[in-house]
PDB file of all heavy atoms in Angstrom:
ATOM      1  N   ASP A   1      80.882 126.997 133.799  1.00  0.00           N
ATOM      2  CA  ASP A   1      79.935 125.868 133.753  1.00  0.00           C
ATOM      3  C   ASP A   1      78.943 125.966 132.603  1.00  0.00           C
ATOM      4  O   ASP A   1      78.197 125.034 132.308  1.00  0.00           O
ATOM      5  CB  ASP A   1      79.164 125.720 135.070  1.00  0.00           C
ATOM      6  CG  ASP A   1      80.075 125.304 136.216  1.00  0.00           C
ATOM      7  OD1 ASP A   1      81.080 124.595 135.964  1.00  0.00           O
ATOM      8  OD2 ASP A   1      79.788 125.667 137.377  1.00  0.00           O
ATOM      9  N   THR A   2      78.923 127.138 131.960  1.00  0.00           N
ATOM     10  CA  THR A   2      77.900 127.379 130.930  1.00  0.00           C
ATOM     11  C   THR A   2      78.508 127.418 129.539  1.00  0.00           C
ATOM     12  O   THR A   2      77.751 127.684 128.561  1.00  0.00           O
ATOM     13  CB  THR A   2      77.163 128.677 131.236  1.00  0.00           C
ATOM     14  OG1 THR A   2      78.044 129.767 131.182  1.00  0.00           O
ATOM     15  CG2 THR A   2      76.445 128.583 132.564  1.00  0.00           C
ATOM     16  N   ILE A   3      79.797 127.255 129.424  1.00  0.00           N
ATOM     17  CA  ILE A   3      80.449 127.360 128.097  1.00  0.00           C
ATOM     18  C   ILE A   3      81.385 126.190 127.920  1.00  0.00           C
ATOM     19  O   ILE A   3      82.085 125.789 128.885  1.00  0.00           O
ATOM     20  CB  ILE A   3      81.184 128.700 127.936  1.00  0.00           C
ATOM     21  CG1 ILE A   3      81.702 128.881 126.533  1.00  0.00           C
ATOM     22  CG2 ILE A   3      82.307 128.871 128.988  1.00  0.00           C
ATOM     23  CD1 ILE A   3      82.265 130.269 126.241  1.00  0.00           C
ATOM     24  N   GLU A   4      81.435 125.655 126.741  1.00  0.00           N
ATOM     25  CA  GLU A   4      82.322 124.542 126.478  1.00  0.00           C
ATOM     26  C   GLU A   4      83.629 125.053 125.868  1.00  0.00           C
ATOM     27  O   GLU A   4      83.646 125.836 124.927  1.00  0.00           O
ATOM     28  CB  GLU A   4      81.666 123.553 125.473  1.00  0.00           C
ATOM     29  CG  GLU A   4      82.518 122.324 125.203  1.00  0.00           C
ATOM     30  CD  GLU A   4      81.824 121.331 124.295  1.00  0.00           C
ATOM     31  OE1 GLU A   4      80.602 121.538 124.018  1.00  0.00           O
ATOM     32  OE2 GLU A   4      82.453 120.316 123.891  1.00  0.00           O
ATOM     33  N   CYS A   5      84.728 124.611 126.450  1.00  0.00           N
ATOM     34  CA  CYS A   5      86.053 125.032 125.959  1.00  0.00           C
ATOM     35  C   CYS A   5      86.537 124.037 124.930  1.00  0.00           C
ATOM     36  O   CYS A   5      86.537 122.845 125.175  1.00  0.00           O
ATOM     37  CB  CYS A   5      87.040 125.138 127.119  1.00  0.00           C
ATOM     38  SG  CYS A   5      88.715 125.650 126.627  1.00  0.00           S
ATOM     39  N   PRO A   6      87.019 124.494 123.780  1.00  0.00           N
ATOM     40  CA  PRO A   6      87.443 123.615 122.708  1.00  0.00           C
ATOM     41  C   PRO A   6      88.865 123.083 122.920  1.00  0.00           C
ATOM     42  O   PRO A   6      89.354 122.274 122.095  1.00  0.00           O
ATOM     43  CB  PRO A   6      87.364 124.509 121.471  1.00  0.00           C
ATOM     44  CG  PRO A   6      87.653 125.898 121.975  1.00  0.00           C
ATOM     45  CD  PRO A   6      87.021 125.912 123.369  1.00  0.00           C
ATOM     46  N   LEU A   7      89.545 123.493 123.965  1.00  0.00           N
ATOM     47  CA  LEU A   7      90.931 123.091 124.204  1.00  0.00           C
ATOM     48  C   LEU A   7      91.013 122.276 125.538  1.00  0.00           C
ATOM     49  O   LEU A   7      90.679 122.810 126.568  1.00  0.00           O
ATOM     50  CB  LEU A   7      91.879 124.285 124.228  1.00  0.00           C
ATOM     51  CG  LEU A   7      93.345 124.033 124.421  1.00  0.00           C
ATOM     52  CD1 LEU A   7      93.888 123.270 123.218  1.00  0.00           C
ATOM     53  CD2 LEU A   7      94.107 125.322 124.638  1.00  0.00           C
ATOM     54  N   TRP A   8      91.492 121.060 125.438  1.00  0.00           N
ATOM     55  CA  TRP A   8      91.685 120.238 126.615  1.00  0.00           C
ATOM     56  C   TRP A   8      92.619 119.093 126.215  1.00  0.00           C
ATOM     57  O   TRP A   8      92.969 118.903 125.047  1.00  0.00           O
ATOM     58  CB  TRP A   8      90.314 119.649 127.076  1.00  0.00           C
ATOM     59  CG  TRP A   8      89.548 118.970 125.962  1.00  0.00           C
ATOM     60  CD1 TRP A   8      88.706 119.597 125.080  1.00  0.00           C
ATOM     61  CD2 TRP A   8      89.585 117.593 125.619  1.00  0.00           C
ATOM     62  NE1 TRP A   8      88.187 118.673 124.186  1.00  0.00           N
ATOM     63  CE2 TRP A   8      88.699 117.408 124.492  1.00  0.00           C
ATOM     64  CE3 TRP A   8      90.195 116.484 126.145  1.00  0.00           C
ATOM     65  CZ2 TRP A   8      88.509 116.219 123.928  1.00  0.00           C
ATOM     66  CZ3 TRP A   8      90.023 115.225 125.531  1.00  0.00           C
ATOM     67  CH2 TRP A   8      89.176 115.087 124.446  1.00  0.00           C
ATOM     68  N   ALA A   9      93.026 118.307 127.232  1.00  0.00           N
ATOM     69  CA  ALA A   9      93.959 117.209 126.916  1.00  0.00           C
ATOM     70  C   ALA A   9      93.848 116.142 128.030  1.00  0.00           C
ATOM     71  O   ALA A   9      93.564 116.457 129.182  1.00  0.00           O
ATOM     72  CB  ALA A   9      95.377 117.688 126.834  1.00  0.00           C
ATOM     73  N   ARG A  10      94.086 114.938 127.605  1.00  0.00           N
ATOM     74  CA  ARG A  10      94.285 113.813 128.540  1.00  0.00           C
ATOM     75  C   ARG A  10      95.664 113.252 128.278  1.00  0.00           C
ATOM     76  O   ARG A  10      96.234 113.353 127.170  1.00  0.00           O
ATOM     77  CB  ARG A  10      93.250 112.709 128.274  1.00  0.00           C
ATOM     78  CG  ARG A  10      91.825 113.134 128.628  1.00  0.00           C
ATOM     79  CD  ARG A  10      90.875 111.895 128.559  1.00  0.00           C
ATOM     80  NE  ARG A  10      90.937 111.241 127.263  1.00  0.00           N
ATOM     81  CZ  ARG A  10      90.109 111.477 126.270  1.00  0.00           C
ATOM     82  NH1 ARG A  10      89.139 112.353 126.427  1.00  0.00           N
ATOM     83  NH2 ARG A  10      90.209 110.802 125.133  1.00  0.00           N
ATOM     84  N   PRO A  11      96.260 112.572 129.246  1.00  0.00           N
ATOM     85  CA  PRO A  11      97.659 112.089 129.049  1.00  0.00           C
ATOM     86  C   PRO A  11      97.845 111.226 127.823  1.00  0.00           C
ATOM     87  O   PRO A  11      98.824 111.375 127.093  1.00  0.00           O
ATOM     88  CB  PRO A  11      97.923 111.268 130.341  1.00  0.00           C
ATOM     89  CG  PRO A  11      97.046 111.926 131.367  1.00  0.00           C
ATOM     90  CD  PRO A  11      95.841 112.341 130.638  1.00  0.00           C
ATOM     91  N   HIS A  12      96.888 110.347 127.515  1.00  0.00           N
ATOM     92  CA  HIS A  12      97.103 109.396 126.422  1.00  0.00           C
ATOM     93  C   HIS A  12      96.976 110.043 125.046  1.00  0.00           C
ATOM     94  O   HIS A  12      97.403 109.486 124.052  1.00  0.00           O
ATOM     95  CB  HIS A  12      96.145 108.183 126.519  1.00  0.00           C
ATOM     96  CG  HIS A  12      96.726 106.917 125.998  1.00  0.00           C
ATOM     97  ND1 HIS A  12      97.824 106.326 126.617  1.00  0.00           N
ATOM     98  CD2 HIS A  12      96.378 106.127 124.961  1.00  0.00           C
ATOM     99  CE1 HIS A  12      98.129 105.202 125.913  1.00  0.00           C
ATOM    100  NE2 HIS A  12      97.244 105.073 124.943  1.00  0.00           N
ATOM    101  N   MET A  13      96.401 111.254 125.017  1.00  0.00           N
ATOM    102  CA  MET A  13      96.305 111.970 123.739  1.00  0.00           C
ATOM    103  C   MET A  13      97.688 112.335 123.232  1.00  0.00           C
ATOM    104  O   MET A  13      97.908 112.463 122.032  1.00  0.00           O
ATOM    105  CB  MET A  13      95.460 113.211 123.931  1.00  0.00           C
ATOM    106  CG  MET A  13      93.978 112.960 124.043  1.00  0.00           C
ATOM    107  SD  MET A  13      93.034 114.424 124.550  1.00  0.00           S
ATOM    108  CE  MET A  13      93.269 115.468 123.145  1.00  0.00           C
ATOM    109  N   ALA A  14      98.663 112.458 124.134  1.00  0.00           N
ATOM    110  CA  ALA A  14     100.053 112.765 123.725  1.00  0.00           C
ATOM    111  C   ALA A  14     100.586 111.597 122.946  1.00  0.00           C
ATOM    112  O   ALA A  14     101.303 111.769 121.929  1.00  0.00           O
ATOM    113  CB  ALA A  14     100.907 113.074 124.934  1.00  0.00           C
ATOM    114  N   ARG A  15     100.306 110.385 123.402  1.00  0.00           N
ATOM    115  CA  ARG A  15     100.779 109.182 122.693  1.00  0.00           C
ATOM    116  C   ARG A  15     100.118 109.014 121.337  1.00  0.00           C
ATOM    117  O   ARG A  15     100.754 108.695 120.347  1.00  0.00           O
ATOM    118  CB  ARG A  15     100.535 107.931 123.554  1.00  0.00           C
ATOM    119  CG  ARG A  15     101.020 106.615 122.945  1.00  0.00           C
ATOM    120  CD  ARG A  15     100.929 105.526 124.019  1.00  0.00           C
ATOM    121  NE  ARG A  15     101.100 104.164 123.485  1.00  0.00           N
ATOM    122  CZ  ARG A  15     102.291 103.619 123.239  1.00  0.00           C
ATOM    123  NH1 ARG A  15     103.402 104.300 123.493  1.00  0.00           N
ATOM    124  NH2 ARG A  15     102.363 102.355 122.796  1.00  0.00           N
ATOM    125  N   HIS A  16      98.833 109.290 121.278  1.00  0.00           N
ATOM    126  CA  HIS A  16      98.097 109.269 120.016  1.00  0.00           C
ATOM    127  C   HIS A  16      98.663 110.267 119.041  1.00  0.00           C
ATOM    128  O   HIS A  16      98.852 109.984 117.828  1.00  0.00           O
ATOM    129  CB  HIS A  16      96.610 109.538 120.199  1.00  0.00           C
ATOM    130  CG  HIS A  16      95.888 108.456 120.943  1.00  0.00           C
ATOM    131  ND1 HIS A  16      94.725 108.694 121.631  1.00  0.00           N
ATOM    132  CD2 HIS A  16      96.182 107.142 121.108  1.00  0.00           C
ATOM    133  CE1 HIS A  16      94.341 107.524 122.167  1.00  0.00           C
ATOM    134  NE2 HIS A  16      95.173 106.616 121.879  1.00  0.00           N
ATOM    135  N   SER A  17      98.976 111.457 119.546  1.00  0.00           N
ATOM    136  CA  SER A  17      99.520 112.537 118.669  1.00  0.00           C
ATOM    137  C   SER A  17     100.935 112.138 118.206  1.00  0.00           C
ATOM    138  O   SER A  17     101.269 112.427 117.041  1.00  0.00           O
ATOM    139  CB  SER A  17      99.533 113.858 119.446  1.00  0.00           C
ATOM    140  OG  SER A  17      98.283 114.207 119.948  1.00  0.00           O
ATOM    141  N   PHE A  18     101.717 111.525 119.029  1.00  0.00           N
ATOM    142  CA  PHE A  18     103.022 111.054 118.643  1.00  0.00           C
ATOM    143  C   PHE A  18     102.914 110.045 117.482  1.00  0.00           C
ATOM    144  O   PHE A  18     103.659 110.068 116.528  1.00  0.00           O
ATOM    145  CB  PHE A  18     103.706 110.378 119.863  1.00  0.00           C
ATOM    146  CG  PHE A  18     104.995 109.714 119.580  1.00  0.00           C
ATOM    147  CD1 PHE A  18     106.184 110.440 119.631  1.00  0.00           C
ATOM    148  CD2 PHE A  18     105.047 108.357 119.258  1.00  0.00           C
ATOM    149  CE1 PHE A  18     107.433 109.794 119.376  1.00  0.00           C
ATOM    150  CE2 PHE A  18     106.251 107.703 118.995  1.00  0.00           C
ATOM    151  CZ  PHE A  18     107.435 108.423 119.065  1.00  0.00           C
ATOM    152  N   ALA A  19     101.957 109.120 117.622  1.00  0.00           N
ATOM    153  CA  ALA A  19     101.749 108.130 116.592  1.00  0.00           C
ATOM    154  C   ALA A  19     101.345 108.787 115.270  1.00  0.00           C
ATOM    155  O   ALA A  19     101.854 108.380 114.215  1.00  0.00           O
ATOM    156  CB  ALA A  19     100.710 107.125 117.056  1.00  0.00           C
ATOM    157  N   LEU A  20     100.433 109.730 115.331  1.00  0.00           N
ATOM    158  CA  LEU A  20      99.964 110.397 114.104  1.00  0.00           C
ATOM    159  C   LEU A  20     101.108 111.144 113.447  1.00  0.00           C
ATOM    160  O   LEU A  20     101.282 111.078 112.239  1.00  0.00           O
ATOM    161  CB  LEU A  20      98.837 111.362 114.442  1.00  0.00           C
ATOM    162  CG  LEU A  20      98.294 112.193 113.296  1.00  0.00           C
ATOM    163  CD1 LEU A  20      97.787 111.324 112.182  1.00  0.00           C
ATOM    164  CD2 LEU A  20      97.205 113.136 113.762  1.00  0.00           C
ATOM    165  N   LYS A  21     101.901 111.839 114.219  1.00  0.00           N
ATOM    166  CA  LYS A  21     103.031 112.634 113.683  1.00  0.00           C
ATOM    167  C   LYS A  21     104.000 111.699 112.933  1.00  0.00           C
ATOM    168  O   LYS A  21     104.389 111.962 111.780  1.00  0.00           O
ATOM    169  CB  LYS A  21     103.765 113.345 114.785  1.00  0.00           C
ATOM    170  CG  LYS A  21     104.973 114.118 114.310  1.00  0.00           C
ATOM    171  CD  LYS A  21     105.753 114.750 115.501  1.00  0.00           C
ATOM    172  CE  LYS A  21     106.467 113.641 116.283  1.00  0.00           C
ATOM    173  NZ  LYS A  21     107.260 114.216 117.395  1.00  0.00           N
ATOM    174  N   TRP A  22     104.400 110.611 113.568  1.00  0.00           N
ATOM    175  CA  TRP A  22     105.392 109.731 112.950  1.00  0.00           C
ATOM    176  C   TRP A  22     104.805 108.887 111.828  1.00  0.00           C
ATOM    177  O   TRP A  22     105.533 108.531 110.883  1.00  0.00           O
ATOM    178  CB  TRP A  22     106.054 108.865 114.034  1.00  0.00           C
ATOM    179  CG  TRP A  22     107.055 109.691 114.793  1.00  0.00           C
ATOM    180  CD1 TRP A  22     106.944 110.194 116.055  1.00  0.00           C
ATOM    181  CD2 TRP A  22     108.329 110.129 114.303  1.00  0.00           C
ATOM    182  NE1 TRP A  22     108.024 110.942 116.396  1.00  0.00           N
ATOM    183  CE2 TRP A  22     108.920 110.899 115.327  1.00  0.00           C
ATOM    184  CE3 TRP A  22     109.006 109.952 113.110  1.00  0.00           C
ATOM    185  CZ2 TRP A  22     110.179 111.506 115.169  1.00  0.00           C
ATOM    186  CZ3 TRP A  22     110.276 110.534 112.987  1.00  0.00           C
ATOM    187  CH2 TRP A  22     110.836 111.278 114.015  1.00  0.00           C
ATOM    188  N   PHE A  23     103.517 108.590 111.884  1.00  0.00           N
ATOM    189  CA  PHE A  23     102.903 107.924 110.732  1.00  0.00           C
ATOM    190  C   PHE A  23     102.972 108.841 109.509  1.00  0.00           C
ATOM    191  O   PHE A  23     103.254 108.421 108.397  1.00  0.00           O
ATOM    192  CB  PHE A  23     101.445 107.574 111.050  1.00  0.00           C
ATOM    193  CG  PHE A  23     100.723 106.900 109.897  1.00  0.00           C
ATOM    194  CD1 PHE A  23     100.853 105.545 109.695  1.00  0.00           C
ATOM    195  CD2 PHE A  23      99.969 107.649 109.021  1.00  0.00           C
ATOM    196  CE1 PHE A  23     100.224 104.916 108.614  1.00  0.00           C
ATOM    197  CE2 PHE A  23      99.294 107.028 107.952  1.00  0.00           C
ATOM    198  CZ  PHE A  23      99.455 105.650 107.772  1.00  0.00           C
ATOM    199  N   SER A  24     102.697 110.133 109.754  1.00  0.00           N
ATOM    200  CA  SER A  24     102.762 111.121 108.661  1.00  0.00           C
ATOM    201  C   SER A  24     104.172 111.219 108.072  1.00  0.00           C
ATOM    202  O   SER A  24     104.376 111.153 106.840  1.00  0.00           O
ATOM    203  CB  SER A  24     102.344 112.496 109.182  1.00  0.00           C
ATOM    204  OG  SER A  24     101.043 112.434 109.770  1.00  0.00           O
ATOM    205  N   ILE A  25     105.152 111.266 108.946  1.00  0.00           N
ATOM    206  CA  ILE A  25     106.549 111.443 108.529  1.00  0.00           C
ATOM    207  C   ILE A  25     107.029 110.150 107.840  1.00  0.00           C
ATOM    208  O   ILE A  25     107.652 110.181 106.732  1.00  0.00           O
ATOM    209  CB  ILE A  25     107.472 111.779 109.698  1.00  0.00           C
ATOM    210  CG1 ILE A  25     107.114 113.204 110.205  1.00  0.00           C
ATOM    211  CG2 ILE A  25     108.936 111.737 109.324  1.00  0.00           C
ATOM    212  CD1 ILE A  25     107.859 113.576 111.481  1.00  0.00           C
ATOM    213  N   LEU A  26     106.796 109.005 108.431  1.00  0.00           N
ATOM    214  CA  LEU A  26     107.226 107.746 107.891  1.00  0.00           C
ATOM    215  C   LEU A  26     106.545 107.481 106.540  1.00  0.00           C
ATOM    216  O   LEU A  26     107.167 106.846 105.671  1.00  0.00           O
ATOM    217  CB  LEU A  26     106.921 106.595 108.858  1.00  0.00           C
ATOM    218  CG  LEU A  26     107.753 106.573 110.138  1.00  0.00           C
ATOM    219  CD1 LEU A  26     107.225 105.538 111.113  1.00  0.00           C
ATOM    220  CD2 LEU A  26     109.221 106.263 109.813  1.00  0.00           C
ATOM    221  N   SER A  27     105.328 107.928 106.364  1.00  0.00           N
ATOM    222  CA  SER A  27     104.664 107.720 105.105  1.00  0.00           C
ATOM    223  C   SER A  27     105.356 108.496 103.989  1.00  0.00           C
ATOM    224  O   SER A  27     105.487 108.018 102.861  1.00  0.00           O
ATOM    225  CB  SER A  27     103.214 108.168 105.168  1.00  0.00           C
ATOM    226  OG  SER A  27     102.507 107.362 106.105  1.00  0.00           O
ATOM    227  N   VAL A  28     105.851 109.721 104.331  1.00  0.00           N
ATOM    228  CA  VAL A  28     106.550 110.520 103.341  1.00  0.00           C
ATOM    229  C   VAL A  28     107.878 109.800 103.012  1.00  0.00           C
ATOM    230  O   VAL A  28     108.223 109.643 101.827  1.00  0.00           O
ATOM    231  CB  VAL A  28     106.851 111.931 103.895  1.00  0.00           C
ATOM    232  CG1 VAL A  28     107.759 112.671 102.974  1.00  0.00           C
ATOM    233  CG2 VAL A  28     105.537 112.667 104.050  1.00  0.00           C
ATOM    234  N   VAL A  29     108.589 109.332 104.032  1.00  0.00           N
ATOM    235  CA  VAL A  29     109.875 108.651 103.837  1.00  0.00           C
ATOM    236  C   VAL A  29     109.681 107.424 103.013  1.00  0.00           C
ATOM    237  O   VAL A  29     110.425 107.171 102.023  1.00  0.00           O
ATOM    238  CB  VAL A  29     110.551 108.302 105.160  1.00  0.00           C
ATOM    239  CG1 VAL A  29     111.812 107.496 104.955  1.00  0.00           C
ATOM    240  CG2 VAL A  29     110.828 109.572 105.962  1.00  0.00           C
ATOM    241  N   TRP A  30     108.659 106.626 103.319  1.00  0.00           N
ATOM    242  CA  TRP A  30     108.456 105.356 102.627  1.00  0.00           C
ATOM    243  C   TRP A  30     108.051 105.602 101.160  1.00  0.00           C
ATOM    244  O   TRP A  30     108.585 104.889 100.262  1.00  0.00           O
ATOM    245  CB  TRP A  30     107.335 104.564 103.313  1.00  0.00           C
ATOM    246  CG  TRP A  30     107.108 103.174 102.738  1.00  0.00           C
ATOM    247  CD1 TRP A  30     106.041 102.827 101.942  1.00  0.00           C
ATOM    248  CD2 TRP A  30     107.910 102.068 102.898  1.00  0.00           C
ATOM    249  NE1 TRP A  30     106.191 101.505 101.621  1.00  0.00           N
ATOM    250  CE2 TRP A  30     107.300 101.002 102.178  1.00  0.00           C
ATOM    251  CE3 TRP A  30     109.089 101.802 103.573  1.00  0.00           C
ATOM    252  CZ2 TRP A  30     107.832  99.741 102.112  1.00  0.00           C
ATOM    253  CZ3 TRP A  30     109.624 100.511 103.528  1.00  0.00           C
ATOM    254  CH2 TRP A  30     109.029  99.523 102.812  1.00  0.00           C
ATOM    255  N   SER A  31     107.198 106.573 100.943  1.00  0.00           N
ATOM    256  CA  SER A  31     106.787 106.805  99.535  1.00  0.00           C
ATOM    257  C   SER A  31     107.974 107.287  98.701  1.00  0.00           C
ATOM    258  O   SER A  31     108.073 106.955  97.527  1.00  0.00           O
ATOM    259  CB  SER A  31     105.701 107.911  99.518  1.00  0.00           C
ATOM    260  OG  SER A  31     106.165 109.150  99.999  1.00  0.00           O
ATOM    261  N   ARG A  32     108.915 108.044  99.279  1.00  0.00           N
ATOM    262  CA  ARG A  32     110.084 108.477  98.547  1.00  0.00           C
ATOM    263  C   ARG A  32     111.031 107.337  98.263  1.00  0.00           C
ATOM    264  O   ARG A  32     111.645 107.232  97.222  1.00  0.00           O
ATOM    265  CB  ARG A  32     110.835 109.594  99.338  1.00  0.00           C
ATOM    266  CG  ARG A  32     110.032 110.843  99.479  1.00  0.00           C
ATOM    267  CD  ARG A  32     109.784 111.500  98.134  1.00  0.00           C
ATOM    268  NE  ARG A  32     109.008 112.754  98.277  1.00  0.00           N
ATOM    269  CZ  ARG A  32     108.634 113.491  97.260  1.00  0.00           C
ATOM    270  NH1 ARG A  32     108.926 113.107  96.013  1.00  0.00           N
ATOM    271  NH2 ARG A  32     107.921 114.582  97.447  1.00  0.00           N
ATOM    272  N   GLN A  33     111.127 106.441  99.247  1.00  0.00           N
ATOM    273  CA  GLN A  33     112.075 105.312  99.059  1.00  0.00           C
ATOM    274  C   GLN A  33     111.585 104.321  98.011  1.00  0.00           C
ATOM    275  O   GLN A  33     112.426 103.675  97.371  1.00  0.00           O
ATOM    276  CB  GLN A  33     112.180 104.542 100.422  1.00  0.00           C
ATOM    277  CG  GLN A  33     113.001 105.266 101.490  1.00  0.00           C
ATOM    278  CD  GLN A  33     112.992 104.504 102.811  1.00  0.00           C
ATOM    279  OE1 GLN A  33     112.069 103.744 103.091  1.00  0.00           O
ATOM    280  NE2 GLN A  33     114.046 104.702 103.585  1.00  0.00           N
ATOM    281  N   LEU A  34     110.300 104.285  97.748  1.00  0.00           N
ATOM    282  CA  LEU A  34     109.776 103.272  96.835  1.00  0.00           C
ATOM    283  C   LEU A  34     109.563 103.834  95.404  1.00  0.00           C
ATOM    284  O   LEU A  34     109.034 103.112  94.539  1.00  0.00           O
ATOM    285  CB  LEU A  34     108.443 102.731  97.319  1.00  0.00           C
ATOM    286  CG  LEU A  34     108.492 101.978  98.650  1.00  0.00           C
ATOM    287  CD1 LEU A  34     107.156 101.385  99.017  1.00  0.00           C
ATOM    288  CD2 LEU A  34     109.565 100.863  98.600  1.00  0.00           C
ATOM    289  N   GLU A  35     109.918 105.090  95.195  1.00  0.00           N
ATOM    290  CA  GLU A  35     109.724 105.634  93.889  1.00  0.00           C
ATOM    291  C   GLU A  35     110.575 104.896  92.841  1.00  0.00           C
ATOM    292  O   GLU A  35     111.777 104.632  93.039  1.00  0.00           O
ATOM    293  CB  GLU A  35     110.158 107.145  93.852  1.00  0.00           C
ATOM    294  CG  GLU A  35     109.154 108.032  94.539  1.00  0.00           C
ATOM    295  CD  GLU A  35     109.552 109.504  94.402  1.00  0.00           C
ATOM    296  OE1 GLU A  35     110.659 109.765  93.922  1.00  0.00           O
ATOM    297  OE2 GLU A  35     108.749 110.394  94.817  1.00  0.00           O
ATOM    298  N   GLY A  36     109.944 104.475  91.727  1.00  0.00           N
ATOM    299  CA  GLY A  36     110.685 103.742  90.701  1.00  0.00           C
ATOM    300  C   GLY A  36     110.623 102.242  90.818  1.00  0.00           C
ATOM    301  O   GLY A  36     111.044 101.543  89.928  1.00  0.00           O
ATOM    302  N   PHE A  37     110.152 101.733  91.971  1.00  0.00           N
ATOM    303  CA  PHE A  37     110.102 100.281  92.160  1.00  0.00           C
ATOM    304  C   PHE A  37     108.781  99.738  91.600  1.00  0.00           C
ATOM    305  O   PHE A  37     107.762 100.378  91.622  1.00  0.00           O
ATOM    306  CB  PHE A  37     110.164  99.936  93.645  1.00  0.00           C
ATOM    307  CG  PHE A  37     111.562 100.034  94.234  1.00  0.00           C
ATOM    308  CD1 PHE A  37     112.035 101.263  94.731  1.00  0.00           C
ATOM    309  CD2 PHE A  37     112.408  98.968  94.309  1.00  0.00           C
ATOM    310  CE1 PHE A  37     113.269 101.396  95.277  1.00  0.00           C
ATOM    311  CE2 PHE A  37     113.652  99.079  94.861  1.00  0.00           C
ATOM    312  CZ  PHE A  37     114.121 100.300  95.340  1.00  0.00           C
ATOM    313  N   THR A  38     108.868  98.502  91.127  1.00  0.00           N
ATOM    314  CA  THR A  38     107.644  97.829  90.665  1.00  0.00           C
ATOM    315  C   THR A  38     106.870  97.342  91.885  1.00  0.00           C
ATOM    316  O   THR A  38     107.400  97.315  92.997  1.00  0.00           O
ATOM    317  CB  THR A  38     107.973  96.638  89.760  1.00  0.00           C
ATOM    318  OG1 THR A  38     108.673  95.642  90.596  1.00  0.00           O
ATOM    319  CG2 THR A  38     108.874  97.063  88.636  1.00  0.00           C
ATOM    320  N   ASP A  39     105.602  96.911  91.644  1.00  0.00           N
ATOM    321  CA  ASP A  39     104.797  96.413  92.751  1.00  0.00           C
ATOM    322  C   ASP A  39     105.452  95.164  93.383  1.00  0.00           C
ATOM    323  O   ASP A  39     105.412  95.011  94.619  1.00  0.00           O
ATOM    324  CB  ASP A  39     103.389  96.055  92.271  1.00  0.00           C
ATOM    325  CG  ASP A  39     102.608  97.318  91.892  1.00  0.00           C
ATOM    326  OD1 ASP A  39     103.000  98.393  92.350  1.00  0.00           O
ATOM    327  OD2 ASP A  39     101.604  97.198  91.175  1.00  0.00           O
ATOM    328  N   ARG A  40     106.045  94.319  92.523  1.00  0.00           N
ATOM    329  CA  ARG A  40     106.675  93.109  93.065  1.00  0.00           C
ATOM    330  C   ARG A  40     107.903  93.508  93.937  1.00  0.00           C
ATOM    331  O   ARG A  40     108.109  92.924  95.020  1.00  0.00           O
ATOM    332  CB  ARG A  40     107.136  92.253  91.892  1.00  0.00           C
ATOM    333  CG  ARG A  40     107.991  91.012  92.247  1.00  0.00           C
ATOM    334  CD  ARG A  40     107.161  89.973  93.031  1.00  0.00           C
ATOM    335  NE  ARG A  40     107.935  88.789  93.287  1.00  0.00           N
ATOM    336  CZ  ARG A  40     107.994  87.768  92.472  1.00  0.00           C
ATOM    337  NH1 ARG A  40     107.387  87.830  91.258  1.00  0.00           N
ATOM    338  NH2 ARG A  40     108.659  86.692  92.775  1.00  0.00           N
ATOM    339  N   GLU A  41     108.657  94.448  93.495  1.00  0.00           N
ATOM    340  CA  GLU A  41     109.809  94.912  94.242  1.00  0.00           C
ATOM    341  C   GLU A  41     109.378  95.564  95.593  1.00  0.00           C
ATOM    342  O   GLU A  41     110.074  95.420  96.599  1.00  0.00           O
ATOM    343  CB  GLU A  41     110.668  95.876  93.444  1.00  0.00           C
ATOM    344  CG  GLU A  41     111.396  95.192  92.264  1.00  0.00           C
ATOM    345  CD  GLU A  41     112.002  96.199  91.325  1.00  0.00           C
ATOM    346  OE1 GLU A  41     111.506  97.355  91.261  1.00  0.00           O
ATOM    347  OE2 GLU A  41     112.966  95.830  90.648  1.00  0.00           O
ATOM    348  N   LYS A  42     108.337  96.278  95.540  1.00  0.00           N
ATOM    349  CA  LYS A  42     107.818  96.912  96.774  1.00  0.00           C
ATOM    350  C   LYS A  42     107.400  95.858  97.788  1.00  0.00           C
ATOM    351  O   LYS A  42     107.676  95.981  98.963  1.00  0.00           O
ATOM    352  CB  LYS A  42     106.622  97.820  96.439  1.00  0.00           C
ATOM    353  CG  LYS A  42     107.006  99.070  95.661  1.00  0.00           C
ATOM    354  CD  LYS A  42     105.755  99.917  95.357  1.00  0.00           C
ATOM    355  CE  LYS A  42     106.132 101.172  94.545  1.00  0.00           C
ATOM    356  NZ  LYS A  42     104.927 101.938  94.185  1.00  0.00           N
TER     357      LYS A  42
END
């Protein structure tokens, strides 16, 4: 009761973490797919 623990979780944090992970991955994929395209083509 006198110390704060830095590790904890709620159920919906898993969904938020899933979204962050795939946003990161999809951003890499998207940036690679658009290499060499003009702004209009993008």
